[in-house]
Full PDB file with SEQRES, HELIX, SHEET, SSBOND, CRYST1, ORIGX, SCALE, CONECT and MASTER records, all heavy atoms in Angstrom:
SEQRES   1 A   39  PHE ALA PHE SER THR THR ALA MET SER ASP ASP THR ALA          
SEQRES   2 A   39  TYR LEU LEU THR LYS THR PHE TRP GLU GLU LYS ALA ALA          
SEQRES   3 A   39  LEU ALA GLY GLU SER ARG TRP TRP LYS ALA VAL ASP PRO          
HELIX    1 AA1 ASP A   10  GLU A   30  1                                  21    
HELIX    2 AA2 ARG A   32  ALA A   36  5                                   5    
CRYST1    1.000    1.000    1.000  90.00  90.00  90.00 P 1           1          
ORIGX1      1.000000  0.000000  0.000000        0.00000                         
ORIGX2      0.000000  1.000000  0.000000        0.00000                         
ORIGX3      0.000000  0.000000  1.000000        0.00000                         
SCALE1      1.000000  0.000000  0.000000        0.00000                         
SCALE2      0.000000  1.000000  0.000000        0.00000                         
SCALE3      0.000000  0.000000  1.000000        0.00000                         
ATOM      1  N   PHE A   1     -12.928  17.566   1.774  1.00  0.00           N  
ATOM      2  CA  PHE A   1     -12.205  16.391   1.300  1.00  0.00           C  
ATOM      3  C   PHE A   1     -11.087  16.795   0.352  1.00  0.00           C  
ATOM      4  O   PHE A   1     -11.092  17.892  -0.209  1.00  0.00           O  
ATOM      5  CB  PHE A   1     -13.157  15.457   0.546  1.00  0.00           C  
ATOM      6  CG  PHE A   1     -13.899  14.468   1.414  1.00  0.00           C  
ATOM      7  CD1 PHE A   1     -14.768  14.906   2.398  1.00  0.00           C  
ATOM      8  CD2 PHE A   1     -13.740  13.101   1.230  1.00  0.00           C  
ATOM      9  CE1 PHE A   1     -15.465  14.012   3.186  1.00  0.00           C  
ATOM     10  CE2 PHE A   1     -14.427  12.197   2.012  1.00  0.00           C  
ATOM     11  CZ  PHE A   1     -15.291  12.642   2.997  1.00  0.00           C  
ATOM     12  N   ALA A   2     -10.154  15.880   0.195  1.00  0.00           N  
ATOM     13  CA  ALA A   2      -9.177  15.975  -0.887  1.00  0.00           C  
ATOM     14  C   ALA A   2      -9.738  15.191  -2.061  1.00  0.00           C  
ATOM     15  O   ALA A   2     -10.156  14.032  -1.907  1.00  0.00           O  
ATOM     16  CB  ALA A   2      -7.833  15.414  -0.455  1.00  0.00           C  
ATOM     17  N   PHE A   3      -9.759  15.816  -3.237  1.00  0.00           N  
ATOM     18  CA  PHE A   3     -10.309  15.196  -4.441  1.00  0.00           C  
ATOM     19  C   PHE A   3      -9.259  15.137  -5.540  1.00  0.00           C  
ATOM     20  O   PHE A   3      -8.297  15.898  -5.554  1.00  0.00           O  
ATOM     21  CB  PHE A   3     -11.493  16.015  -4.968  1.00  0.00           C  
ATOM     22  CG  PHE A   3     -12.682  16.057  -4.068  1.00  0.00           C  
ATOM     23  CD1 PHE A   3     -12.859  17.106  -3.165  1.00  0.00           C  
ATOM     24  CD2 PHE A   3     -13.644  15.067  -4.110  1.00  0.00           C  
ATOM     25  CE1 PHE A   3     -13.964  17.160  -2.338  1.00  0.00           C  
ATOM     26  CE2 PHE A   3     -14.758  15.098  -3.285  1.00  0.00           C  
ATOM     27  CZ  PHE A   3     -14.917  16.151  -2.399  1.00  0.00           C  
ATOM     28  N   SER A   4      -9.488  14.244  -6.477  1.00  0.00           N  
ATOM     29  CA  SER A   4      -8.754  14.239  -7.734  1.00  0.00           C  
ATOM     30  C   SER A   4      -9.777  13.958  -8.828  1.00  0.00           C  
ATOM     31  O   SER A   4     -10.972  14.159  -8.622  1.00  0.00           O  
ATOM     32  CB  SER A   4      -7.635  13.193  -7.725  1.00  0.00           C  
ATOM     33  OG  SER A   4      -6.836  13.329  -8.882  1.00  0.00           O  
ATOM     34  N   THR A   5      -9.318  13.488  -9.966  1.00  0.00           N  
ATOM     35  CA  THR A   5     -10.232  13.112 -11.040  1.00  0.00           C  
ATOM     36  C   THR A   5      -9.840  11.735 -11.556  1.00  0.00           C  
ATOM     37  O   THR A   5      -8.809  11.176 -11.166  1.00  0.00           O  
ATOM     38  CB  THR A   5     -10.184  14.112 -12.215  1.00  0.00           C  
ATOM     39  OG1 THR A   5      -8.930  13.963 -12.895  1.00  0.00           O  
ATOM     40  CG2 THR A   5     -10.337  15.543 -11.730  1.00  0.00           C  
ATOM     41  N   THR A   6     -10.646  11.198 -12.440  1.00  0.00           N  
ATOM     42  CA  THR A   6     -10.346   9.887 -13.013  1.00  0.00           C  
ATOM     43  C   THR A   6      -9.101   9.938 -13.898  1.00  0.00           C  
ATOM     44  O   THR A   6      -8.603   8.893 -14.325  1.00  0.00           O  
ATOM     45  CB  THR A   6     -11.537   9.362 -13.830  1.00  0.00           C  
ATOM     46  OG1 THR A   6     -11.929  10.362 -14.788  1.00  0.00           O  
ATOM     47  CG2 THR A   6     -12.719   9.061 -12.925  1.00  0.00           C  
ATOM     48  N   ALA A   7      -8.560  11.140 -14.156  1.00  0.00           N  
ATOM     49  CA  ALA A   7      -7.317  11.249 -14.920  1.00  0.00           C  
ATOM     50  C   ALA A   7      -6.116  10.776 -14.102  1.00  0.00           C  
ATOM     51  O   ALA A   7      -5.074  10.446 -14.665  1.00  0.00           O  
ATOM     52  CB  ALA A   7      -7.099  12.690 -15.367  1.00  0.00           C  
ATOM     53  N   MET A   8      -6.253  10.761 -12.778  1.00  0.00           N  
ATOM     54  CA  MET A   8      -5.189  10.224 -11.924  1.00  0.00           C  
ATOM     55  C   MET A   8      -5.236   8.706 -11.975  1.00  0.00           C  
ATOM     56  O   MET A   8      -6.313   8.100 -11.924  1.00  0.00           O  
ATOM     57  CB  MET A   8      -5.355  10.707 -10.478  1.00  0.00           C  
ATOM     58  CG  MET A   8      -4.353  10.089  -9.503  1.00  0.00           C  
ATOM     59  SD  MET A   8      -4.521  10.703  -7.802  1.00  0.00           S  
ATOM     60  CE  MET A   8      -3.613  12.252  -7.941  1.00  0.00           C  
ATOM     61  N   SER A   9      -4.096   8.083 -12.065  1.00  0.00           N  
ATOM     62  CA  SER A   9      -4.053   6.620 -12.144  1.00  0.00           C  
ATOM     63  C   SER A   9      -4.506   5.999 -10.826  1.00  0.00           C  
ATOM     64  O   SER A   9      -4.375   6.604  -9.755  1.00  0.00           O  
ATOM     65  CB  SER A   9      -2.645   6.136 -12.478  1.00  0.00           C  
ATOM     66  OG  SER A   9      -1.782   6.259 -11.350  1.00  0.00           O  
ATOM     67  N   ASP A  10      -5.024   4.775 -10.916  1.00  0.00           N  
ATOM     68  CA  ASP A  10      -5.459   4.068  -9.711  1.00  0.00           C  
ATOM     69  C   ASP A  10      -4.297   3.862  -8.749  1.00  0.00           C  
ATOM     70  O   ASP A  10      -4.458   3.982  -7.532  1.00  0.00           O  
ATOM     71  CB  ASP A  10      -6.060   2.708 -10.087  1.00  0.00           C  
ATOM     72  CG  ASP A  10      -7.391   2.838 -10.820  1.00  0.00           C  
ATOM     73  OD1 ASP A  10      -7.843   3.987 -11.031  1.00  0.00           O  
ATOM     74  OD2 ASP A  10      -7.970   1.804 -11.180  1.00  0.00           O  
ATOM     75  N   ASP A  11      -3.127   3.558  -9.283  1.00  0.00           N  
ATOM     76  CA  ASP A  11      -1.963   3.305  -8.422  1.00  0.00           C  
ATOM     77  C   ASP A  11      -1.550   4.559  -7.657  1.00  0.00           C  
ATOM     78  O   ASP A  11      -1.197   4.489  -6.482  1.00  0.00           O  
ATOM     79  CB  ASP A  11      -0.783   2.787  -9.253  1.00  0.00           C  
ATOM     80  CG  ASP A  11      -0.975   1.353  -9.730  1.00  0.00           C  
ATOM     81  OD1 ASP A  11      -1.852   0.657  -9.171  1.00  0.00           O  
ATOM     82  OD2 ASP A  11      -0.259   0.936 -10.655  1.00  0.00           O  
ATOM     83  N   THR A  12      -1.595   5.703  -8.326  1.00  0.00           N  
ATOM     84  CA  THR A  12      -1.218   6.948  -7.658  1.00  0.00           C  
ATOM     85  C   THR A  12      -2.240   7.315  -6.583  1.00  0.00           C  
ATOM     86  O   THR A  12      -1.874   7.720  -5.474  1.00  0.00           O  
ATOM     87  CB  THR A  12      -1.088   8.093  -8.674  1.00  0.00           C  
ATOM     88  OG1 THR A  12      -0.079   7.757  -9.625  1.00  0.00           O  
ATOM     89  CG2 THR A  12      -0.704   9.398  -7.982  1.00  0.00           C  
ATOM     90  N   ALA A  13      -3.523   7.170  -6.897  1.00  0.00           N  
ATOM     91  CA  ALA A  13      -4.573   7.455  -5.914  1.00  0.00           C  
ATOM     92  C   ALA A  13      -4.461   6.512  -4.725  1.00  0.00           C  
ATOM     93  O   ALA A  13      -4.652   6.923  -3.566  1.00  0.00           O  
ATOM     94  CB  ALA A  13      -5.946   7.325  -6.566  1.00  0.00           C  
ATOM     95  N   TYR A  14      -4.135   5.262  -4.995  1.00  0.00           N  
ATOM     96  CA  TYR A  14      -3.951   4.278  -3.921  1.00  0.00           C  
ATOM     97  C   TYR A  14      -2.778   4.677  -3.029  1.00  0.00           C  
ATOM     98  O   TYR A  14      -2.884   4.684  -1.797  1.00  0.00           O  
ATOM     99  CB  TYR A  14      -3.705   2.896  -4.531  1.00  0.00           C  
ATOM    100  CG  TYR A  14      -3.311   1.826  -3.526  1.00  0.00           C  
ATOM    101  CD1 TYR A  14      -4.287   1.123  -2.823  1.00  0.00           C  
ATOM    102  CD2 TYR A  14      -1.972   1.520  -3.285  1.00  0.00           C  
ATOM    103  CE1 TYR A  14      -3.939   0.142  -1.907  1.00  0.00           C  
ATOM    104  CE2 TYR A  14      -1.614   0.538  -2.380  1.00  0.00           C  
ATOM    105  CZ  TYR A  14      -2.591  -0.145  -1.693  1.00  0.00           C  
ATOM    106  OH  TYR A  14      -2.237  -1.104  -0.777  1.00  0.00           O  
ATOM    107  N   LEU A  15      -1.649   5.010  -3.654  1.00  0.00           N  
ATOM    108  CA  LEU A  15      -0.451   5.379  -2.899  1.00  0.00           C  
ATOM    109  C   LEU A  15      -0.704   6.610  -2.038  1.00  0.00           C  
ATOM    110  O   LEU A  15      -0.335   6.639  -0.856  1.00  0.00           O  
ATOM    111  CB  LEU A  15       0.711   5.639  -3.863  1.00  0.00           C  
ATOM    112  CG  LEU A  15       2.005   6.200  -3.252  1.00  0.00           C  
ATOM    113  CD1 LEU A  15       2.622   5.188  -2.291  1.00  0.00           C  
ATOM    114  CD2 LEU A  15       3.007   6.565  -4.354  1.00  0.00           C  
ATOM    115  N   LEU A  16      -1.336   7.612  -2.602  1.00  0.00           N  
ATOM    116  CA  LEU A  16      -1.576   8.849  -1.873  1.00  0.00           C  
ATOM    117  C   LEU A  16      -2.531   8.627  -0.700  1.00  0.00           C  
ATOM    118  O   LEU A  16      -2.286   9.104   0.415  1.00  0.00           O  
ATOM    119  CB  LEU A  16      -2.143   9.905  -2.825  1.00  0.00           C  
ATOM    120  CG  LEU A  16      -2.379  11.301  -2.257  1.00  0.00           C  
ATOM    121  CD1 LEU A  16      -1.106  11.873  -1.644  1.00  0.00           C  
ATOM    122  CD2 LEU A  16      -2.911  12.231  -3.337  1.00  0.00           C  
ATOM    123  N   THR A  17      -3.606   7.882  -0.940  1.00  0.00           N  
ATOM    124  CA  THR A  17      -4.588   7.624   0.119  1.00  0.00           C  
ATOM    125  C   THR A  17      -3.982   6.764   1.226  1.00  0.00           C  
ATOM    126  O   THR A  17      -4.149   7.055   2.419  1.00  0.00           O  
ATOM    127  CB  THR A  17      -5.835   6.926  -0.471  1.00  0.00           C  
ATOM    128  OG1 THR A  17      -6.367   7.731  -1.526  1.00  0.00           O  
ATOM    129  CG2 THR A  17      -6.899   6.711   0.587  1.00  0.00           C  
ATOM    130  N   LYS A  18      -3.281   5.733   0.843  1.00  0.00           N  
ATOM    131  CA  LYS A  18      -2.646   4.839   1.811  1.00  0.00           C  
ATOM    132  C   LYS A  18      -1.636   5.601   2.670  1.00  0.00           C  
ATOM    133  O   LYS A  18      -1.609   5.463   3.903  1.00  0.00           O  
ATOM    134  CB  LYS A  18      -1.951   3.688   1.080  1.00  0.00           C  
ATOM    135  CG  LYS A  18      -1.236   2.670   1.971  1.00  0.00           C  
ATOM    136  CD  LYS A  18      -0.698   1.524   1.096  1.00  0.00           C  
ATOM    137  CE  LYS A  18      -0.058   0.423   1.948  1.00  0.00           C  
ATOM    138  NZ  LYS A  18       1.241   0.867   2.531  1.00  0.00           N  
ATOM    139  N   THR A  19      -0.823   6.428   2.027  1.00  0.00           N  
ATOM    140  CA  THR A  19       0.198   7.183   2.753  1.00  0.00           C  
ATOM    141  C   THR A  19      -0.435   8.176   3.713  1.00  0.00           C  
ATOM    142  O   THR A  19       0.038   8.349   4.848  1.00  0.00           O  
ATOM    143  CB  THR A  19       1.131   7.921   1.770  1.00  0.00           C  
ATOM    144  OG1 THR A  19       1.689   6.980   0.853  1.00  0.00           O  
ATOM    145  CG2 THR A  19       2.258   8.621   2.514  1.00  0.00           C  
ATOM    146  N   PHE A  20      -1.522   8.822   3.277  1.00  0.00           N  
ATOM    147  CA  PHE A  20      -2.193   9.776   4.163  1.00  0.00           C  
ATOM    148  C   PHE A  20      -2.624   9.109   5.460  1.00  0.00           C  
ATOM    149  O   PHE A  20      -2.328   9.601   6.558  1.00  0.00           O  
ATOM    150  CB  PHE A  20      -3.414  10.401   3.477  1.00  0.00           C  
ATOM    151  CG  PHE A  20      -4.312  11.131   4.445  1.00  0.00           C  
ATOM    152  CD1 PHE A  20      -3.928  12.352   4.973  1.00  0.00           C  
ATOM    153  CD2 PHE A  20      -5.525  10.578   4.852  1.00  0.00           C  
ATOM    154  CE1 PHE A  20      -4.742  13.014   5.888  1.00  0.00           C  
ATOM    155  CE2 PHE A  20      -6.336  11.235   5.768  1.00  0.00           C  
ATOM    156  CZ  PHE A  20      -5.943  12.459   6.289  1.00  0.00           C  
ATOM    157  N   TRP A  21      -3.330   7.983   5.356  1.00  0.00           N  
ATOM    158  CA  TRP A  21      -3.844   7.349   6.568  1.00  0.00           C  
ATOM    159  C   TRP A  21      -2.726   6.771   7.426  1.00  0.00           C  
ATOM    160  O   TRP A  21      -2.815   6.789   8.660  1.00  0.00           O  
ATOM    161  CB  TRP A  21      -4.865   6.271   6.202  1.00  0.00           C  
ATOM    162  CG  TRP A  21      -6.155   6.863   5.720  1.00  0.00           C  
ATOM    163  CD1 TRP A  21      -6.646   6.865   4.453  1.00  0.00           C  
ATOM    164  CD2 TRP A  21      -7.115   7.590   6.507  1.00  0.00           C  
ATOM    165  NE1 TRP A  21      -7.842   7.525   4.392  1.00  0.00           N  
ATOM    166  CE2 TRP A  21      -8.162   7.977   5.636  1.00  0.00           C  
ATOM    167  CE3 TRP A  21      -7.193   7.934   7.851  1.00  0.00           C  
ATOM    168  CZ2 TRP A  21      -9.273   8.703   6.081  1.00  0.00           C  
ATOM    169  CZ3 TRP A  21      -8.299   8.657   8.301  1.00  0.00           C  
ATOM    170  CH2 TRP A  21      -9.320   9.029   7.427  1.00  0.00           C  
ATOM    171  N   GLU A  22      -1.670   6.281   6.803  1.00  0.00           N  
ATOM    172  CA  GLU A  22      -0.557   5.745   7.578  1.00  0.00           C  
ATOM    173  C   GLU A  22       0.212   6.848   8.295  1.00  0.00           C  
ATOM    174  O   GLU A  22       0.834   6.602   9.333  1.00  0.00           O  
ATOM    175  CB  GLU A  22       0.379   4.951   6.663  1.00  0.00           C  
ATOM    176  CG  GLU A  22      -0.232   3.641   6.179  1.00  0.00           C  
ATOM    177  CD  GLU A  22       0.691   2.853   5.265  1.00  0.00           C  
ATOM    178  OE1 GLU A  22       1.702   3.427   4.807  1.00  0.00           O  
ATOM    179  OE2 GLU A  22       0.401   1.667   5.014  1.00  0.00           O  
ATOM    180  N   GLU A  23       0.168   8.065   7.753  1.00  0.00           N  
ATOM    181  CA  GLU A  23       0.877   9.195   8.368  1.00  0.00           C  
ATOM    182  C   GLU A  23      -0.046  10.068   9.220  1.00  0.00           C  
ATOM    183  O   GLU A  23       0.408  11.057   9.805  1.00  0.00           O  
ATOM    184  CB  GLU A  23       1.507  10.065   7.273  1.00  0.00           C  
ATOM    185  CG  GLU A  23       2.624   9.386   6.496  1.00  0.00           C  
ATOM    186  CD  GLU A  23       3.808   9.049   7.388  1.00  0.00           C  
ATOM    187  OE1 GLU A  23       4.283   9.946   8.116  1.00  0.00           O  
ATOM    188  OE2 GLU A  23       4.254   7.883   7.364  1.00  0.00           O  
ATOM    189  N   LYS A  24      -1.322   9.693   9.321  1.00  0.00           N  
ATOM    190  CA  LYS A  24      -2.282  10.555  10.013  1.00  0.00           C  
ATOM    191  C   LYS A  24      -1.916  10.778  11.478  1.00  0.00           C  
ATOM    192  O   LYS A  24      -2.039  11.889  12.012  1.00  0.00           O  
ATOM    193  CB  LYS A  24      -3.686   9.968   9.902  1.00  0.00           C  
ATOM    194  CG  LYS A  24      -4.803  11.002   9.827  1.00  0.00           C  
ATOM    195  CD  LYS A  24      -5.310  11.479  11.153  1.00  0.00           C  
ATOM    196  CE  LYS A  24      -6.111  10.452  11.903  1.00  0.00           C  
ATOM    197  NZ  LYS A  24      -6.712  11.014  13.154  1.00  0.00           N  
ATOM    198  N   ALA A  25      -1.441   9.741  12.151  1.00  0.00           N  
ATOM    199  CA  ALA A  25      -1.050   9.885  13.563  1.00  0.00           C  
ATOM    200  C   ALA A  25       0.100  10.874  13.708  1.00  0.00           C  
ATOM    201  O   ALA A  25       0.113  11.703  14.630  1.00  0.00           O  
ATOM    202  CB  ALA A  25      -0.664   8.529  14.146  1.00  0.00           C  
ATOM    203  N   ALA A  26       1.051  10.804  12.794  1.00  0.00           N  
ATOM    204  CA  ALA A  26       2.179  11.746  12.830  1.00  0.00           C  
ATOM    205  C   ALA A  26       1.698  13.163  12.553  1.00  0.00           C  
ATOM    206  O   ALA A  26       2.161  14.132  13.181  1.00  0.00           O  
ATOM    207  CB  ALA A  26       3.244  11.333  11.821  1.00  0.00           C  
ATOM    208  N   LEU A  27       0.759  13.309  11.631  1.00  0.00           N  
ATOM    209  CA  LEU A  27       0.192  14.620  11.340  1.00  0.00           C  
ATOM    210  C   LEU A  27      -0.514  15.196  12.567  1.00  0.00           C  
ATOM    211  O   LEU A  27      -0.359  16.384  12.891  1.00  0.00           O  
ATOM    212  CB  LEU A  27      -0.802  14.526  10.176  1.00  0.00           C  
ATOM    213  CG  LEU A  27      -0.218  14.429   8.766  1.00  0.00           C  
ATOM    214  CD1 LEU A  27      -1.292  13.987   7.776  1.00  0.00           C  
ATOM    215  CD2 LEU A  27       0.375  15.773   8.334  1.00  0.00           C  
ATOM    216  N   ALA A  28      -1.284  14.354  13.261  1.00  0.00           N  
ATOM    217  CA  ALA A  28      -2.008  14.799  14.454  1.00  0.00           C  
ATOM    218  C   ALA A  28      -1.039  15.188  15.568  1.00  0.00           C  
ATOM    219  O   ALA A  28      -1.341  16.065  16.383  1.00  0.00           O  
ATOM    220  CB  ALA A  28      -2.957  13.707  14.933  1.00  0.00           C  
ATOM    221  N   GLY A  29       0.121  14.532  15.594  1.00  0.00           N  
ATOM    222  CA  GLY A  29       1.130  14.894  16.576  1.00  0.00           C  
ATOM    223  C   GLY A  29       1.748  16.248  16.293  1.00  0.00           C  
ATOM    224  O   GLY A  29       2.213  16.940  17.200  1.00  0.00           O  
ATOM    225  N   GLU A  30       1.727  16.643  15.027  1.00  0.00           N  
ATOM    226  CA  GLU A  30       2.280  17.938  14.631  1.00  0.00           C  
ATOM    227  C   GLU A  30       1.274  19.060  14.810  1.00  0.00           C  
ATOM    228  O   GLU A  30       1.605  20.145  15.297  1.00  0.00           O  
ATOM    229  CB  GLU A  30       2.733  17.877  13.172  1.00  0.00           C  
ATOM    230  CG  GLU A  30       3.362  19.155  12.659  1.00  0.00           C  
ATOM    231  CD  GLU A  30       3.874  19.036  11.231  1.00  0.00           C  
ATOM    232  OE1 GLU A  30       3.832  17.923  10.664  1.00  0.00           O  
ATOM    233  OE2 GLU A  30       4.313  20.059  10.682  1.00  0.00           O  
ATOM    234  N   SER A  31       0.014  18.813  14.411  1.00  0.00           N  
ATOM    235  CA  SER A  31      -1.047  19.820  14.521  1.00  0.00           C  
ATOM    236  C   SER A  31      -2.334  19.145  14.960  1.00  0.00           C  
ATOM    237  O   SER A  31      -2.768  18.164  14.341  1.00  0.00           O  
ATOM    238  CB  SER A  31      -1.269  20.530  13.174  1.00  0.00           C  
ATOM    239  OG  SER A  31      -0.128  21.284  12.814  1.00  0.00           O  
ATOM    240  N   ARG A  32      -2.970  19.702  15.975  1.00  0.00           N  
ATOM    241  CA  ARG A  32      -4.132  19.041  16.591  1.00  0.00           C  
ATOM    242  C   ARG A  32      -5.336  18.935  15.671  1.00  0.00           C  
ATOM    243  O   ARG A  32      -6.219  18.099  15.894  1.00  0.00           O  
ATOM    244  CB  ARG A  32      -4.527  19.781  17.871  1.00  0.00           C  
ATOM    245  CG  ARG A  32      -3.595  19.512  19.046  1.00  0.00           C  
ATOM    246  CD  ARG A  32      -4.102  20.187  20.300  1.00  0.00           C  
ATOM    247  NE  ARG A  32      -4.022  21.643  20.201  1.00  0.00           N  
ATOM    248  CZ  ARG A  32      -4.630  22.478  21.038  1.00  0.00           C  
ATOM    249  NH1 ARG A  32      -5.410  22.009  21.986  1.00  0.00           N  
ATOM    250  NH2 ARG A  32      -4.489  23.786  20.889  1.00  0.00           N  
ATOM    251  N   TRP A  33      -5.401  19.788  14.629  1.00  0.00           N  
ATOM    252  CA  TRP A  33      -6.611  19.749  13.788  1.00  0.00           C  
ATOM    253  C   TRP A  33      -6.759  18.427  13.047  1.00  0.00           C  
ATOM    254  O   TRP A  33      -7.850  18.063  12.627  1.00  0.00           O  
ATOM    255  CB  TRP A  33      -6.671  20.915  12.823  1.00  0.00           C  
ATOM    256  CG  TRP A  33      -5.415  21.264  12.071  1.00  0.00           C  
ATOM    257  CD1 TRP A  33      -4.598  20.423  11.383  1.00  0.00           C  
ATOM    258  CD2 TRP A  33      -4.850  22.575  11.925  1.00  0.00           C  
ATOM    259  NE1 TRP A  33      -3.556  21.115  10.799  1.00  0.00           N  
ATOM    260  CE2 TRP A  33      -3.687  22.443  11.119  1.00  0.00           C  
ATOM    261  CE3 TRP A  33      -5.213  23.839  12.376  1.00  0.00           C  
ATOM    262  CZ2 TRP A  33      -2.892  23.539  10.768  1.00  0.00           C  
ATOM    263  CZ3 TRP A  33      -4.434  24.917  12.025  1.00  0.00           C  
ATOM    264  CH2 TRP A  33      -3.279  24.763  11.236  1.00  0.00           C  
ATOM    265  N   TRP A  34      -5.666  17.668  12.881  1.00  0.00           N  
ATOM    266  CA  TRP A  34      -5.765  16.371  12.199  1.00  0.00           C  
ATOM    267  C   TRP A  34      -6.420  15.303  13.075  1.00  0.00           C  
ATOM    268  O   TRP A  34      -6.853  14.261  12.571  1.00  0.00           O  
ATOM    269  CB  TRP A  34      -4.388  15.904  11.755  1.00  0.00           C  
ATOM    270  CG  TRP A  34      -3.763  16.756  10.702  1.00  0.00           C  
ATOM    271  CD1 TRP A  34      -2.765  17.678  10.860  1.00  0.00           C  
ATOM    272  CD2 TRP A  34      -4.096  16.790   9.301  1.00  0.00           C  
ATOM    273  NE1 TRP A  34      -2.458  18.278   9.663  1.00  0.00           N  
ATOM    274  CE2 TRP A  34      -3.250  17.756   8.690  1.00  0.00           C  
ATOM    275  CE3 TRP A  34      -5.019  16.096   8.515  1.00  0.00           C  
ATOM    276  CZ2 TRP A  34      -3.308  18.040   7.327  1.00  0.00           C  
ATOM    277  CZ3 TRP A  34      -5.076  16.386   7.155  1.00  0.00           C  
ATOM    278  CH2 TRP A  34      -4.227  17.339   6.576  1.00  0.00           C  
ATOM    279  N   LYS A  35      -6.487  15.545  14.382  1.00  0.00           N  
ATOM    280  CA  LYS A  35      -7.060  14.535  15.287  1.00  0.00           C  
ATOM    281  C   LYS A  35      -8.525  14.270  14.989  1.00  0.00           C  
ATOM    282  O   LYS A  35      -9.032  13.177  15.266  1.00  0.00           O  
ATOM    283  CB  LYS A  35      -6.891  14.977  16.741  1.00  0.00           C  
ATOM    284  CG  LYS A  35      -5.451  14.963  17.236  1.00  0.00           C  
ATOM    285  CD  LYS A  35      -5.368  15.349  18.709  1.00  0.00           C  
ATOM    286  CE  LYS A  35      -3.920  15.308  19.203  1.00  0.00           C  
ATOM    287  NZ  LYS A  35      -3.810  15.699  20.631  1.00  0.00           N  
ATOM    288  N   ALA A  36      -9.229  15.280  14.484  1.00  0.00           N  
ATOM    289  CA  ALA A  36     -10.671  15.131  14.244  1.00  0.00           C  
ATOM    290  C   ALA A  36     -10.976  14.349  12.972  1.00  0.00           C  
ATOM    291  O   ALA A  36     -12.136  14.053  12.689  1.00  0.00           O  
ATOM    292  CB  ALA A  36     -11.323  16.508  14.168  1.00  0.00           C  
ATOM    293  N   VAL A  37      -9.952  13.993  12.198  1.00  0.00           N  
ATOM    294  CA  VAL A  37     -10.165  13.261  10.945  1.00  0.00           C  
ATOM    295  C   VAL A  37     -10.144  11.760  11.222  1.00  0.00           C  
ATOM    296  O   VAL A  37      -9.182  11.236  11.779  1.00  0.00           O  
ATOM    297  CB  VAL A  37      -9.082  13.612   9.908  1.00  0.00           C  
ATOM    298  CG1 VAL A  37      -9.296  12.815   8.616  1.00  0.00           C  
ATOM    299  CG2 VAL A  37      -9.089  15.105   9.616  1.00  0.00           C  
ATOM    300  N   ASP A  38     -11.203  11.082  10.857  1.00  0.00           N  
ATOM    301  CA  ASP A  38     -11.235   9.622  10.980  1.00  0.00           C  
ATOM    302  C   ASP A  38     -12.045   9.038   9.823  1.00  0.00           C  
ATOM    303  O   ASP A  38     -12.777   9.763   9.138  1.00  0.00           O  
ATOM    304  CB  ASP A  38     -11.795   9.175  12.336  1.00  0.00           C  
ATOM    305  CG  ASP A  38     -13.233   9.631  12.560  1.00  0.00           C  
ATOM    306  OD1 ASP A  38     -14.096   9.341  11.711  1.00  0.00           O  
ATOM    307  OD2 ASP A  38     -13.504  10.266  13.586  1.00  0.00           O  
ATOM    308  N   PRO A  39     -11.914   7.727   9.582  1.00  0.00           N  
ATOM    309  CA  PRO A  39     -12.601   7.110   8.429  1.00  0.00           C  
ATOM    310  C   PRO A  39     -14.119   7.270   8.442  1.00  0.00           C  
ATOM    311  O   PRO A  39     -14.752   7.184   7.393  1.00  0.00           O  
ATOM    312  CB  PRO A  39     -12.194   5.631   8.534  1.00  0.00           C  
ATOM    313  CG  PRO A  39     -10.868   5.662   9.238  1.00  0.00           C  
ATOM    314  CD  PRO A  39     -11.001   6.776  10.241  1.00  0.00           C  
TER     315      PRO A  39                                                      
MASTER        0    0    0    2    0    0    0    6  314    1    0    3          
END                                                                             
C-alpha cells in the first residue's frame, strides 16, 4: 500500500487518493502491473 501519517492534512490525502483512482486506467494503459489493482 501507499501510506502516509496523520500529519498529512485530510484535504491532501483526499486529493491524492482521488487522483490516483481517477488516473488508474491511464496508469494501467502505460504499464500492465496497475491492472491488478482494484478497490
